[in-house]
Amino acid sequence: MKKNIKIISKNLEFPVKLNDSNASQEILKNLPIVSIANRWGEEIYFQIPVYAELENGIEILDTGSVAYWPPGNAFCIFFGKTPASTGDKPQAASPVTVIGKIIGDKSLPDLKKISDGDIIELRIVE
């Protein structure tokens, strides 16, 4: 069951298409979620009340990927290079479960407007 959600922060909305991973299903069960954003290069991550095992863990992702990071119970949004990146693609600090992708690349530059400490929300798209 694939489902669309949206990330909301600073009056900005980013639509996301979730995949069928167990982590995605757990996130859907817990929506809406409100948390505090953290930045790590061009990655935004924030703690969520979801506890899921790593599934098909990878570290190098496509721009626009969203992932779940089990060690920090974190939702991660990758929109550019991180401090761990050795090439042009985003790289996670350690393996993550890819849970979906932001729909449309045009909104990706707006993610740079989100800073450490900003309120960030996840909601189901009705």
PDB file of N, CA and C in Angstrom:
ATOM      1  N   MET A   1       0.847  -1.188   0.000  1.00  0.00           N
ATOM      2  CA  MET A   1       0.000   0.000   0.000  1.00  0.00           C
ATOM      3  C   MET A   1       0.888   1.246   0.000  1.00  0.00           C
ATOM      4  N   LYS A   2       0.949   1.921  -1.132  1.00  0.00           N
ATOM      5  CA  LYS A   2       1.726   3.156  -1.198  1.00  0.00           C
ATOM      6  C   LYS A   2       0.825   4.309  -0.785  1.00  0.00           C
ATOM      7  N   LYS A   3       1.428   5.309  -0.176  1.00  0.00           N
ATOM      8  CA  LYS A   3       0.650   6.435   0.334  1.00  0.00           C
ATOM      9  C   LYS A   3       1.460   7.705   0.173  1.00  0.00           C
ATOM     10  N   ASN A   4       0.775   8.792  -0.094  1.00  0.00           N
ATOM     11  CA  ASN A   4       1.442  10.080  -0.163  1.00  0.00           C
ATOM     12  C   ASN A   4       1.298  10.795   1.170  1.00  0.00           C
ATOM     13  N   ILE A   5       2.394  11.410   1.589  1.00  0.00           N
ATOM     14  CA  ILE A   5       2.387  12.238   2.785  1.00  0.00           C
ATOM     15  C   ILE A   5       2.966  13.592   2.387  1.00  0.00           C
ATOM     16  N   LYS A   6       2.946  14.537   3.319  1.00  0.00           N
ATOM     17  CA  LYS A   6       3.606  15.804   3.061  1.00  0.00           C
ATOM     18  C   LYS A   6       4.430  16.197   4.268  1.00  0.00           C
ATOM     19  N   ILE A   7       5.553  16.837   3.963  1.00  0.00           N
ATOM     20  CA  ILE A   7       6.431  17.422   4.970  1.00  0.00           C
ATOM     21  C   ILE A   7       6.092  18.904   4.984  1.00  0.00           C
ATOM     22  N   ILE A   8       5.877  19.455   6.178  1.00  0.00           N
ATOM     23  CA  ILE A   8       5.509  20.862   6.296  1.00  0.00           C
ATOM     24  C   ILE A   8       6.458  21.542   7.280  1.00  0.00           C
ATOM     25  N   SER A   9       6.999  22.695   6.860  1.00  0.00           N
ATOM     26  CA  SER A   9       7.833  23.511   7.738  1.00  0.00           C
ATOM     27  C   SER A   9       7.901  24.920   7.157  1.00  0.00           C
ATOM     28  N   LYS A  10       7.812  25.920   8.010  1.00  0.00           N
ATOM     29  CA  LYS A  10       7.949  27.324   7.601  1.00  0.00           C
ATOM     30  C   LYS A  10       7.008  27.687   6.442  1.00  0.00           C
ATOM     31  N   ASN A  11       5.760  27.226   6.499  1.00  0.00           N
ATOM     32  CA  ASN A  11       4.773  27.481   5.443  1.00  0.00           C
ATOM     33  C   ASN A  11       5.179  26.888   4.095  1.00  0.00           C
ATOM     34  N   LEU A  12       6.084  25.933   4.099  1.00  0.00           N
ATOM     35  CA  LEU A  12       6.490  25.219   2.890  1.00  0.00           C
ATOM     36  C   LEU A  12       5.956  23.792   2.988  1.00  0.00           C
ATOM     37  N   GLU A  13       5.544  23.242   1.852  1.00  0.00           N
ATOM     38  CA  GLU A  13       5.067  21.860   1.819  1.00  0.00           C
ATOM     39  C   GLU A  13       5.829  21.082   0.763  1.00  0.00           C
ATOM     40  N   PHE A  14       6.190  19.850   1.112  1.00  0.00           N
ATOM     41  CA  PHE A  14       6.929  18.975   0.220  1.00  0.00           C
ATOM     42  C   PHE A  14       6.192  17.636   0.151  1.00  0.00           C
ATOM     43  N   PRO A  15       5.590  17.309  -1.003  1.00  0.00           N
ATOM     44  CA  PRO A  15       4.882  16.036  -1.127  1.00  0.00           C
ATOM     45  C   PRO A  15       5.872  14.877  -1.258  1.00  0.00           C
ATOM     46  N   VAL A  16       5.528  13.767  -0.630  1.00  0.00           N
ATOM     47  CA  VAL A  16       6.384  12.583  -0.622  1.00  0.00           C
ATOM     48  C   VAL A  16       5.552  11.364  -0.974  1.00  0.00           C
ATOM     49  N   LYS A  17       6.076  10.524  -1.843  1.00  0.00           N
ATOM     50  CA  LYS A  17       5.457   9.236  -2.148  1.00  0.00           C
ATOM     51  C   LYS A  17       6.229   8.181  -1.371  1.00  0.00           C
ATOM     52  N   LEU A  18       5.555   7.534  -0.427  1.00  0.00           N
ATOM     53  CA  LEU A  18       6.185   6.481   0.365  1.00  0.00           C
ATOM     54  C   LEU A  18       6.176   5.168  -0.397  1.00  0.00           C
ATOM     55  N   ASN A  19       7.158   4.318  -0.110  1.00  0.00           N
ATOM     56  CA  ASN A  19       7.193   2.977  -0.679  1.00  0.00           C
ATOM     57  C   ASN A  19       6.497   2.001   0.275  1.00  0.00           C
ATOM     58  N   ASP A  20       6.657   0.712   0.023  1.00  0.00           N
ATOM     59  CA  ASP A  20       5.969  -0.309   0.821  1.00  0.00           C
ATOM     60  C   ASP A  20       6.826  -0.893   1.944  1.00  0.00           C
ATOM     61  N   SER A  21       7.890  -0.228   2.336  1.00  0.00           N
ATOM     62  CA  SER A  21       8.755  -0.758   3.397  1.00  0.00           C
ATOM     63  C   SER A  21       8.014  -0.826   4.729  1.00  0.00           C
ATOM     64  N   ASN A  22       8.524  -1.675   5.627  1.00  0.00           N
ATOM     65  CA  ASN A  22       7.938  -1.767   6.979  1.00  0.00           C
ATOM     66  C   ASN A  22       8.047  -0.425   7.700  1.00  0.00           C
ATOM     67  N   ALA A  23       9.180   0.270   7.521  1.00  0.00           N
ATOM     68  CA  ALA A  23       9.363   1.570   8.173  1.00  0.00           C
ATOM     69  C   ALA A  23       8.304   2.568   7.689  1.00  0.00           C
ATOM     70  N   SER A  24       8.019   2.571   6.386  1.00  0.00           N
ATOM     71  CA  SER A  24       6.981   3.469   5.851  1.00  0.00           C
ATOM     72  C   SER A  24       5.629   3.179   6.494  1.00  0.00           C
ATOM     73  N   GLN A  25       5.307   1.901   6.615  1.00  0.00           N
ATOM     74  CA  GLN A  25       4.019   1.519   7.202  1.00  0.00           C
ATOM     75  C   GLN A  25       3.937   1.958   8.670  1.00  0.00           C
ATOM     76  N   GLU A  26       5.044   1.848   9.386  1.00  0.00           N
ATOM     77  CA  GLU A  26       5.060   2.287  10.789  1.00  0.00           C
ATOM     78  C   GLU A  26       4.895   3.800  10.884  1.00  0.00           C
ATOM     79  N   ILE A  27       5.516   4.524   9.974  1.00  0.00           N
ATOM     80  CA  ILE A  27       5.367   5.983   9.971  1.00  0.00           C
ATOM     81  C   ILE A  27       3.909   6.361   9.725  1.00  0.00           C
ATOM     82  N   LEU A  28       3.279   5.718   8.745  1.00  0.00           N
ATOM     83  CA  LEU A  28       1.874   6.009   8.454  1.00  0.00           C
ATOM     84  C   LEU A  28       0.979   5.807   9.673  1.00  0.00           C
ATOM     85  N   LYS A  29       1.257   4.767  10.456  1.00  0.00           N
ATOM     86  CA  LYS A  29       0.449   4.481  11.657  1.00  0.00           C
ATOM     87  C   LYS A  29       0.568   5.576  12.714  1.00  0.00           C
ATOM     88  N   ASN A  30       1.660   6.338  12.658  1.00  0.00           N
ATOM     89  CA  ASN A  30       1.934   7.333  13.703  1.00  0.00           C
ATOM     90  C   ASN A  30       1.645   8.773  13.289  1.00  0.00           C
ATOM     91  N   LEU A  31       1.138   8.982  12.076  1.00  0.00           N
ATOM     92  CA  LEU A  31       0.875  10.351  11.617  1.00  0.00           C
ATOM     93  C   LEU A  31      -0.375  10.921  12.259  1.00  0.00           C
ATOM     94  N   PRO A  32      -0.421  12.224  12.475  1.00  0.00           N
ATOM     95  CA  PRO A  32       0.607  13.222  12.166  1.00  0.00           C
ATOM     96  C   PRO A  32       1.740  13.191  13.199  1.00  0.00           C
ATOM     97  N   ILE A  33       2.907  13.636  12.765  1.00  0.00           N
ATOM     98  CA  ILE A  33       4.093  13.718  13.627  1.00  0.00           C
ATOM     99  C   ILE A  33       4.617  15.147  13.558  1.00  0.00           C
ATOM    100  N   VAL A  34       4.940  15.705  14.729  1.00  0.00           N
ATOM    101  CA  VAL A  34       5.566  17.030  14.810  1.00  0.00           C
ATOM    102  C   VAL A  34       6.900  16.855  15.521  1.00  0.00           C
ATOM    103  N   SER A  35       7.950  17.450  14.987  1.00  0.00           N
ATOM    104  CA  SER A  35       9.278  17.307  15.564  1.00  0.00           C
ATOM    105  C   SER A  35      10.083  18.580  15.321  1.00  0.00           C
ATOM    106  N   ILE A  36      11.363  18.516  15.657  1.00  0.00           N
ATOM    107  CA  ILE A  36      12.288  19.641  15.498  1.00  0.00           C
ATOM    108  C   ILE A  36      13.351  19.247  14.471  1.00  0.00           C
ATOM    109  N   ALA A  37      13.509  20.085  13.447  1.00  0.00           N
ATOM    110  CA  ALA A  37      14.457  19.797  12.369  1.00  0.00           C
ATOM    111  C   ALA A  37      15.905  19.983  12.809  1.00  0.00           C
ATOM    112  N   ASN A  38      16.757  19.140  12.257  1.00  0.00           N
ATOM    113  CA  ASN A  38      18.213  19.254  12.385  1.00  0.00           C
ATOM    114  C   ASN A  38      18.781  19.232  10.979  1.00  0.00           C
ATOM    115  N   ARG A  39      19.870  19.978  10.767  1.00  0.00           N
ATOM    116  CA  ARG A  39      20.540  19.996   9.457  1.00  0.00           C
ATOM    117  C   ARG A  39      21.907  19.342   9.576  1.00  0.00           C
ATOM    118  N   TRP A  40      22.267  18.598   8.530  1.00  0.00           N
ATOM    119  CA  TRP A  40      23.598  18.005   8.407  1.00  0.00           C
ATOM    120  C   TRP A  40      23.967  18.145   6.950  1.00  0.00           C
ATOM    121  N   GLY A  41      24.636  19.237   6.610  1.00  0.00           N
ATOM    122  CA  GLY A  41      24.870  19.550   5.206  1.00  0.00           C
ATOM    123  C   GLY A  41      23.522  19.765   4.535  1.00  0.00           C
ATOM    124  N   GLU A  42      23.302  19.107   3.409  1.00  0.00           N
ATOM    125  CA  GLU A  42      22.022  19.224   2.713  1.00  0.00           C
ATOM    126  C   GLU A  42      21.148  17.995   2.991  1.00  0.00           C
ATOM    127  N   GLU A  43      21.067  17.702   4.281  1.00  0.00           N
ATOM    128  CA  GLU A  43      20.152  16.689   4.803  1.00  0.00           C
ATOM    129  C   GLU A  43      19.407  17.328   5.972  1.00  0.00           C
ATOM    130  N   ILE A  44      18.120  17.078   6.022  1.00  0.00           N
ATOM    131  CA  ILE A  44      17.315  17.442   7.188  1.00  0.00           C
ATOM    132  C   ILE A  44      16.909  16.130   7.836  1.00  0.00           C
ATOM    133  N   TYR A  45      17.060  16.051   9.153  1.00  0.00           N
ATOM    134  CA  TYR A  45      16.614  14.846   9.856  1.00  0.00           C
ATOM    135  C   TYR A  45      15.942  15.276  11.149  1.00  0.00           C
ATOM    136  N   PHE A  46      15.039  14.423  11.621  1.00  0.00           N
ATOM    137  CA  PHE A  46      14.333  14.712  12.867  1.00  0.00           C
ATOM    138  C   PHE A  46      13.812  13.418  13.470  1.00  0.00           C
ATOM    139  N   GLN A  47      13.786  13.406  14.787  1.00  0.00           N
ATOM    140  CA  GLN A  47      13.356  12.215  15.508  1.00  0.00           C
ATOM    141  C   GLN A  47      11.852  12.029  15.358  1.00  0.00           C
ATOM    142  N   ILE A  48      11.451  10.758  15.191  1.00  0.00           N
ATOM    143  CA  ILE A  48      10.040  10.411  15.091  1.00  0.00           C
ATOM    144  C   ILE A  48       9.761   9.233  16.021  1.00  0.00           C
ATOM    145  N   PRO A  49       8.502   9.056  16.451  1.00  0.00           N
ATOM    146  CA  PRO A  49       8.169   7.966  17.377  1.00  0.00           C
ATOM    147  C   PRO A  49       7.951   6.643  16.641  1.00  0.00           C
ATOM    148  N   VAL A  50       8.943   6.232  15.877  1.00  0.00           N
ATOM    149  CA  VAL A  50       8.870   4.996  15.096  1.00  0.00           C
ATOM    150  C   VAL A  50      10.131   4.192  15.388  1.00  0.00           C
ATOM    151  N   TYR A  51       9.940   2.896  15.577  1.00  0.00           N
ATOM    152  CA  TYR A  51      11.056   2.004  15.849  1.00  0.00           C
ATOM    153  C   TYR A  51      10.974   0.862  14.844  1.00  0.00           C
ATOM    154  N   ALA A  52      11.862   0.877  13.860  1.00  0.00           N
ATOM    155  CA  ALA A  52      11.857  -0.141  12.813  1.00  0.00           C
ATOM    156  C   ALA A  52      13.284  -0.604  12.555  1.00  0.00           C
ATOM    157  N   GLU A  53      13.410  -1.853  12.148  1.00  0.00           N
ATOM    158  CA  GLU A  53      14.715  -2.420  11.795  1.00  0.00           C
ATOM    159  C   GLU A  53      15.176  -1.876  10.444  1.00  0.00           C
ATOM    160  N   LEU A  54      16.475  -1.898  10.225  1.00  0.00           N
ATOM    161  CA  LEU A  54      17.048  -1.518   8.942  1.00  0.00           C
ATOM    162  C   LEU A  54      16.591  -2.506   7.866  1.00  0.00           C
ATOM    163  N   GLU A  55      16.134  -1.984   6.725  1.00  0.00           N
ATOM    164  CA  GLU A  55      15.717  -2.809   5.591  1.00  0.00           C
ATOM    165  C   GLU A  55      16.533  -2.400   4.368  1.00  0.00           C
ATOM    166  N   ASN A  56      17.238  -3.335   3.772  1.00  0.00           N
ATOM    167  CA  ASN A  56      18.011  -3.054   2.557  1.00  0.00           C
ATOM    168  C   ASN A  56      18.835  -1.774   2.702  1.00  0.00           C
ATOM    169  N   GLY A  57      19.575  -1.677   3.793  1.00  0.00           N
ATOM    170  CA  GLY A  57      20.299  -0.456   4.133  1.00  0.00           C
ATOM    171  C   GLY A  57      21.283   0.011   3.066  1.00  0.00           C
ATOM    172  N   ILE A  58      21.248   1.301   2.800  1.00  0.00           N
ATOM    173  CA  ILE A  58      22.199   1.913   1.880  1.00  0.00           C
ATOM    174  C   ILE A  58      22.699   3.226   2.493  1.00  0.00           C
ATOM    175  N   GLU A  59      23.843   3.702   1.992  1.00  0.00           N
ATOM    176  CA  GLU A  59      24.400   4.964   2.482  1.00  0.00           C
ATOM    177  C   GLU A  59      24.409   6.058   1.419  1.00  0.00           C
ATOM    178  N   ILE A  60      24.537   5.689   0.150  1.00  0.00           N
ATOM    179  CA  ILE A  60      24.557   6.689  -0.924  1.00  0.00           C
ATOM    180  C   ILE A  60      23.176   6.704  -1.564  1.00  0.00           C
ATOM    181  N   LEU A  61      22.561   7.898  -1.579  1.00  0.00           N
ATOM    182  CA  LEU A  61      21.171   8.024  -1.996  1.00  0.00           C
ATOM    183  C   LEU A  61      21.024   8.972  -3.171  1.00  0.00           C
ATOM    184  N   ASP A  62      19.863   8.922  -3.788  1.00  0.00           N
ATOM    185  CA  ASP A  62      19.516   9.893  -4.824  1.00  0.00           C
ATOM    186  C   ASP A  62      19.008  11.163  -4.159  1.00  0.00           C
ATOM    187  N   THR A  63      19.245  12.293  -4.791  1.00  0.00           N
ATOM    188  CA  THR A  63      18.701  13.560  -4.315  1.00  0.00           C
ATOM    189  C   THR A  63      17.174  13.459  -4.311  1.00  0.00           C
ATOM    190  N   GLY A  64      16.565  13.919  -3.228  1.00  0.00           N
ATOM    191  CA  GLY A  64      15.116  13.844  -3.088  1.00  0.00           C
ATOM    192  C   GLY A  64      14.641  12.611  -2.343  1.00  0.00           C
ATOM    193  N   SER A  65      15.565  11.715  -1.992  1.00  0.00           N
ATOM    194  CA  SER A  65      15.190  10.518  -1.243  1.00  0.00           C
ATOM    195  C   SER A  65      14.830  10.873   0.193  1.00  0.00           C
ATOM    196  N   VAL A  66      13.865  10.142   0.731  1.00  0.00           N
ATOM    197  CA  VAL A  66      13.572  10.219   2.160  1.00  0.00           C
ATOM    198  C   VAL A  66      13.841   8.837   2.730  1.00  0.00           C
ATOM    199  N   ALA A  67      14.348   8.817   3.952  1.00  0.00           N
ATOM    200  CA  ALA A  67      14.792   7.559   4.537  1.00  0.00           C
ATOM    201  C   ALA A  67      14.534   7.561   6.041  1.00  0.00           C
ATOM    202  N   TYR A  68      14.605   6.359   6.608  1.00  0.00           N
ATOM    203  CA  TYR A  68      14.510   6.180   8.055  1.00  0.00           C
ATOM    204  C   TYR A  68      15.877   5.713   8.537  1.00  0.00           C
ATOM    205  N   TRP A  69      16.368   6.378   9.589  1.00  0.00           N
ATOM    206  CA  TRP A  69      17.678   6.047  10.169  1.00  0.00           C
ATOM    207  C   TRP A  69      17.447   5.394  11.526  1.00  0.00           C
ATOM    208  N   PRO A  70      17.559   4.041  11.610  1.00  0.00           N
ATOM    209  CA  PRO A  70      17.238   3.342  12.852  1.00  0.00           C
ATOM    210  C   PRO A  70      18.006   3.790  14.098  1.00  0.00           C
ATOM    211  N   PRO A  71      19.337   4.073  14.029  1.00  0.00           N
ATOM    212  CA  PRO A  71      20.029   4.436  15.277  1.00  0.00           C
ATOM    213  C   PRO A  71      19.464   5.681  15.970  1.00  0.00           C
ATOM    214  N   GLY A  72      18.892   6.604  15.200  1.00  0.00           N
ATOM    215  CA  GLY A  72      18.357   7.828  15.793  1.00  0.00           C
ATOM    216  C   GLY A  72      16.845   7.923  15.735  1.00  0.00           C
ATOM    217  N   ASN A  73      16.185   6.824  15.310  1.00  0.00           N
ATOM    218  CA  ASN A  73      14.727   6.868  15.100  1.00  0.00           C
ATOM    219  C   ASN A  73      14.378   8.135  14.332  1.00  0.00           C
ATOM    220  N   ALA A  74      15.075   8.344  13.216  1.00  0.00           N
ATOM    221  CA  ALA A  74      14.966   9.621  12.518  1.00  0.00           C
ATOM    222  C   ALA A  74      14.437   9.476  11.099  1.00  0.00           C
ATOM    223  N   PHE A  75      13.636  10.473  10.713  1.00  0.00           N
ATOM    224  CA  PHE A  75      13.163  10.666   9.343  1.00  0.00           C
ATOM    225  C   PHE A  75      14.191  11.576   8.685  1.00  0.00           C
ATOM    226  N   CYS A  76      14.722  11.171   7.534  1.00  0.00           N
ATOM    227  CA  CYS A  76      15.795  11.917   6.873  1.00  0.00           C
ATOM    228  C   CYS A  76      15.366  12.332   5.477  1.00  0.00           C
ATOM    229  N   ILE A  77      15.683  13.562   5.128  1.00  0.00           N
ATOM    230  CA  ILE A  77      15.385  14.101   3.807  1.00  0.00           C
ATOM    231  C   ILE A  77      16.719  14.495   3.178  1.00  0.00           C
ATOM    232  N   PHE A  78      17.055  13.855   2.067  1.00  0.00           N
ATOM    233  CA  PHE A  78      18.341  14.098   1.407  1.00  0.00           C
ATOM    234  C   PHE A  78      18.122  14.948   0.163  1.00  0.00           C
ATOM    235  N   PHE A  79      18.704  16.159   0.144  1.00  0.00           N
ATOM    236  CA  PHE A  79      18.501  17.044  -1.000  1.00  0.00           C
ATOM    237  C   PHE A  79      19.805  17.588  -1.576  1.00  0.00           C
ATOM    238  N   GLY A  80      20.920  17.035  -1.157  1.00  0.00           N
ATOM    239  CA  GLY A  80      22.223  17.446  -1.669  1.00  0.00           C
ATOM    240  C   GLY A  80      23.325  16.761  -0.878  1.00  0.00           C
ATOM    241  N   LYS A  81      24.531  17.279  -1.028  1.00  0.00           N
ATOM    242  CA  LYS A  81      25.688  16.670  -0.380  1.00  0.00           C
ATOM    243  C   LYS A  81      25.641  16.846   1.138  1.00  0.00           C
ATOM    244  N   THR A  82      26.110  15.817   1.822  1.00  0.00           N
ATOM    245  CA  THR A  82      26.242  15.851   3.280  1.00  0.00           C
ATOM    246  C   THR A  82      27.735  15.848   3.616  1.00  0.00           C
ATOM    247  N   PRO A  83      28.097  16.077   4.881  1.00  0.00           N
ATOM    248  CA  PRO A  83      29.520  16.007   5.242  1.00  0.00           C
ATOM    249  C   PRO A  83      30.167  14.654   4.925  1.00  0.00           C
ATOM    250  N   ALA A  84      29.373  13.588   4.818  1.00  0.00           N
ATOM    251  CA  ALA A  84      29.919  12.262   4.504  1.00  0.00           C
ATOM    252  C   ALA A  84      30.085  12.031   3.003  1.00  0.00           C
ATOM    253  N   SER A  85      29.502  12.886   2.170  1.00  0.00           N
ATOM    254  CA  SER A  85      29.534  12.679   0.715  1.00  0.00           C
ATOM    255  C   SER A  85      30.960  12.738   0.177  1.00  0.00           C
ATOM    256  N   THR A  86      31.278  11.773  -0.690  1.00  0.00           N
ATOM    257  CA  THR A  86      32.568  11.783  -1.368  1.00  0.00           C
ATOM    258  C   THR A  86      32.393  12.084  -2.857  1.00  0.00           C
ATOM    259  N   GLY A  87      31.167  12.002  -3.337  1.00  0.00           N
ATOM    260  CA  GLY A  87      30.844  12.338  -4.723  1.00  0.00           C
ATOM    261  C   GLY A  87      29.760  13.396  -4.731  1.00  0.00           C
ATOM    262  N   ASP A  88      28.971  13.413  -5.792  1.00  0.00           N
ATOM    263  CA  ASP A  88      27.923  14.419  -5.936  1.00  0.00           C
ATOM    264  C   ASP A  88      26.610  14.037  -5.256  1.00  0.00           C
ATOM    265  N   LYS A  89      26.476  12.783  -4.837  1.00  0.00           N
ATOM    266  CA  LYS A  89      25.222  12.322  -4.250  1.00  0.00           C
ATOM    267  C   LYS A  89      25.229  12.473  -2.733  1.00  0.00           C
ATOM    268  N   PRO A  90      24.025  12.580  -2.155  1.00  0.00           N
ATOM    269  CA  PRO A  90      23.933  12.589  -0.688  1.00  0.00           C
ATOM    270  C   PRO A  90      24.432  11.256  -0.123  1.00  0.00           C
ATOM    271  N   GLN A  91      25.075  11.332   1.033  1.00  0.00           N
ATOM    272  CA  GLN A  91      25.519  10.120   1.718  1.00  0.00           C
ATOM    273  C   GLN A  91      25.115  10.210   3.178  1.00  0.00           C
ATOM    274  N   ALA A  92      24.470   9.159   3.665  1.00  0.00           N
ATOM    275  CA  ALA A  92      24.036   9.092   5.061  1.00  0.00           C
ATOM    276  C   ALA A  92      25.238   8.821   5.964  1.00  0.00           C
ATOM    277  N   ALA A  93      25.080   9.119   7.244  1.00  0.00           N
ATOM    278  CA  ALA A  93      26.136   8.875   8.225  1.00  0.00           C
ATOM    279  C   ALA A  93      26.382   7.387   8.398  1.00  0.00           C
ATOM    280  N   SER A  94      25.335   6.593   8.271  1.00  0.00           N
ATOM    281  CA  SER A  94      25.393   5.132   8.324  1.00  0.00           C
ATOM    282  C   SER A  94      24.175   4.620   7.554  1.00  0.00           C
ATOM    283  N   PRO A  95      24.076   3.319   7.315  1.00  0.00           N
ATOM    284  CA  PRO A  95      22.990   2.821   6.466  1.00  0.00           C
ATOM    285  C   PRO A  95      21.593   3.246   6.941  1.00  0.00           C
ATOM    286  N   VAL A  96      20.763   3.561   5.941  1.00  0.00           N
ATOM    287  CA  VAL A  96      19.378   3.973   6.168  1.00  0.00           C
ATOM    288  C   VAL A  96      18.452   3.096   5.331  1.00  0.00           C
ATOM    289  N   THR A  97      17.181   3.091   5.708  1.00  0.00           N
ATOM    290  CA  THR A  97      16.129   2.432   4.930  1.00  0.00           C
ATOM    291  C   THR A  97      15.466   3.488   4.068  1.00  0.00           C
ATOM    292  N   VAL A  98      15.542   3.343   2.754  1.00  0.00           N
ATOM    293  CA  VAL A  98      14.839   4.283   1.878  1.00  0.00           C
ATOM    294  C   VAL A  98      13.342   4.015   2.031  1.00  0.00           C
ATOM    295  N   ILE A  99      12.575   5.085   2.321  1.00  0.00           N
ATOM    296  CA  ILE A  99      11.136   4.929   2.532  1.00  0.00           C
ATOM    297  C   ILE A  99      10.303   5.663   1.490  1.00  0.00           C
ATOM    298  N   GLY A 100      10.956   6.444   0.634  1.00  0.00           N
ATOM    299  CA  GLY A 100      10.204   7.148  -0.394  1.00  0.00           C
ATOM    300  C   GLY A 100      11.023   8.220  -1.067  1.00  0.00           C
ATOM    301  N   LYS A 101      10.300   9.103  -1.768  1.00  0.00           N
ATOM    302  CA  LYS A 101      10.963  10.162  -2.529  1.00  0.00           C
ATOM    303  C   LYS A 101      10.054  11.381  -2.588  1.00  0.00           C
ATOM    304  N   ILE A 102      10.672  12.555  -2.536  1.00  0.00           N
ATOM    305  CA  ILE A 102       9.919  13.793  -2.718  1.00  0.00           C
ATOM    306  C   ILE A 102       9.421  13.827  -4.156  1.00  0.00           C
ATOM    307  N   ILE A 103       8.160  14.206  -4.321  1.00  0.00           N
ATOM    308  CA  ILE A 103       7.541  14.261  -5.641  1.00  0.00           C
ATOM    309  C   ILE A 103       7.900  15.590  -6.296  1.00  0.00           C
ATOM    310  N   GLY A 104       8.572  15.523  -7.432  1.00  0.00           N
ATOM    311  CA  GLY A 104       8.942  16.734  -8.163  1.00  0.00           C
ATOM    312  C   GLY A 104      10.200  17.376  -7.608  1.00  0.00           C
ATOM    313  N   ASP A 105      11.160  17.639  -8.466  1.00  0.00           N
ATOM    314  CA  ASP A 105      12.441  18.212  -8.035  1.00  0.00           C
ATOM    315  C   ASP A 105      12.390  19.721  -7.848  1.00  0.00           C
ATOM    316  N   LYS A 106      11.339  20.381  -8.320  1.00  0.00           N
ATOM    317  CA  LYS A 106      11.291  21.844  -8.268  1.00  0.00           C
ATOM    318  C   LYS A 106      11.275  22.383  -6.843  1.00  0.00           C
ATOM    319  N   SER A 107      10.745  21.597  -5.895  1.00  0.00           N
ATOM    320  CA  SER A 107      10.663  22.081  -4.515  1.00  0.00           C
ATOM    321  C   SER A 107      11.938  21.837  -3.717  1.00  0.00           C
ATOM    322  N   LEU A 108      12.866  21.041  -4.242  1.00  0.00           N
ATOM    323  CA  LEU A 108      14.068  20.685  -3.473  1.00  0.00           C
ATOM    324  C   LEU A 108      14.877  21.893  -2.999  1.00  0.00           C
ATOM    325  N   PRO A 109      15.097  22.939  -3.821  1.00  0.00           N
ATOM    326  CA  PRO A 109      15.868  24.085  -3.316  1.00  0.00           C
ATOM    327  C   PRO A 109      15.233  24.752  -2.092  1.00  0.00           C
ATOM    328  N   ASP A 110      13.917  24.670  -1.949  1.00  0.00           N
ATOM    329  CA  ASP A 110      13.257  25.274  -0.789  1.00  0.00           C
ATOM    330  C   ASP A 110      13.616  24.576   0.523  1.00  0.00           C
ATOM    331  N   LEU A 111      14.106  23.337   0.454  1.00  0.00           N
ATOM    332  CA  LEU A 111      14.511  22.646   1.671  1.00  0.00           C
ATOM    333  C   LEU A 111      15.665  23.372   2.358  1.00  0.00           C
ATOM    334  N   LYS A 112      16.454  24.138   1.596  1.00  0.00           N
ATOM    335  CA  LYS A 112      17.570  24.898   2.179  1.00  0.00           C
ATOM    336  C   LYS A 112      17.079  25.974   3.144  1.00  0.00           C
ATOM    337  N   LYS A 113      15.797  26.335   3.070  1.00  0.00           N
ATOM    338  CA  LYS A 113      15.225  27.362   3.950  1.00  0.00           C
ATOM    339  C   LYS A 113      14.920  26.830   5.348  1.00  0.00           C
ATOM    340  N   ILE A 114      14.972  25.518   5.524  1.00  0.00           N
ATOM    341  CA  ILE A 114      14.683  24.909   6.820  1.00  0.00           C
ATOM    342  C   ILE A 114      15.991  24.805   7.605  1.00  0.00           C
ATOM    343  N   SER A 115      15.956  25.283   8.850  1.00  0.00           N
ATOM    344  CA  SER A 115      17.155  25.362   9.689  1.00  0.00           C
ATOM    345  C   SER A 115      17.030  24.501  10.932  1.00  0.00           C
ATOM    346  N   ASP A 116      18.166  24.304  11.621  1.00  0.00           N
ATOM    347  CA  ASP A 116      18.159  23.642  12.924  1.00  0.00           C
ATOM    348  C   ASP A 116      17.141  24.330  13.823  1.00  0.00           C
ATOM    349  N   GLY A 117      16.336  23.542  14.501  1.00  0.00           N
ATOM    350  CA  GLY A 117      15.395  24.088  15.481  1.00  0.00           C
ATOM    351  C   GLY A 117      14.025  24.445  14.920  1.00  0.00           C
ATOM    352  N   ASP A 118      13.859  24.423  13.592  1.00  0.00           N
ATOM    353  CA  ASP A 118      12.549  24.714  13.015  1.00  0.00           C
ATOM    354  C   ASP A 118      11.579  23.569  13.299  1.00  0.00           C
ATOM    355  N   ILE A 119      10.313  23.914  13.493  1.00  0.00           N
ATOM    356  CA  ILE A 119       9.267  22.906  13.652  1.00  0.00           C
ATOM    357  C   ILE A 119       9.030  22.260  12.280  1.00  0.00           C
ATOM    358  N   ILE A 120       8.893  20.947  12.282  1.00  0.00           N
ATOM    359  CA  ILE A 120       8.650  20.215  11.035  1.00  0.00           C
ATOM    360  C   ILE A 120       7.575  19.166  11.303  1.00  0.00           C
ATOM    361  N   GLU A 121       6.692  18.973  10.340  1.00  0.00           N
ATOM    362  CA  GLU A 121       5.568  18.055  10.509  1.00  0.00           C
ATOM    363  C   GLU A 121       5.485  17.077   9.356  1.00  0.00           C
ATOM    364  N   LEU A 122       4.937  15.910   9.654  1.00  0.00           N
ATOM    365  CA  LEU A 122       4.586  14.924   8.640  1.00  0.00           C
ATOM    366  C   LEU A 122       3.079  14.687   8.750  1.00  0.00           C
ATOM    367  N   ARG A 123       2.380  14.758   7.613  1.00  0.00           N
ATOM    368  CA  ARG A 123       0.931  14.532   7.583  1.00  0.00           C
ATOM    369  C   ARG A 123       0.572  13.670   6.380  1.00  0.00           C
ATOM    370  N   ILE A 124      -0.522  12.948   6.494  1.00  0.00           N
ATOM    371  CA  ILE A 124      -1.062  12.201   5.357  1.00  0.00           C
ATOM    372  C   ILE A 124      -1.700  13.200   4.393  1.00  0.00           C
ATOM    373  N   VAL A 125      -1.530  12.961   3.105  1.00  0.00           N
ATOM    374  CA  VAL A 125      -2.214  13.746   2.089  1.00  0.00           C
ATOM    375  C   VAL A 125      -3.595  13.121   1.906  1.00  0.00           C
ATOM    376  N   GLU A 126      -4.608  13.889   2.157  1.00  0.00           N
ATOM    377  CA  GLU A 126      -5.987  13.375   2.046  1.00  0.00           C
ATOM    378  C   GLU A 126      -6.454  13.405   0.617  1.00  0.00           C
TER     379      GLU A 126
END
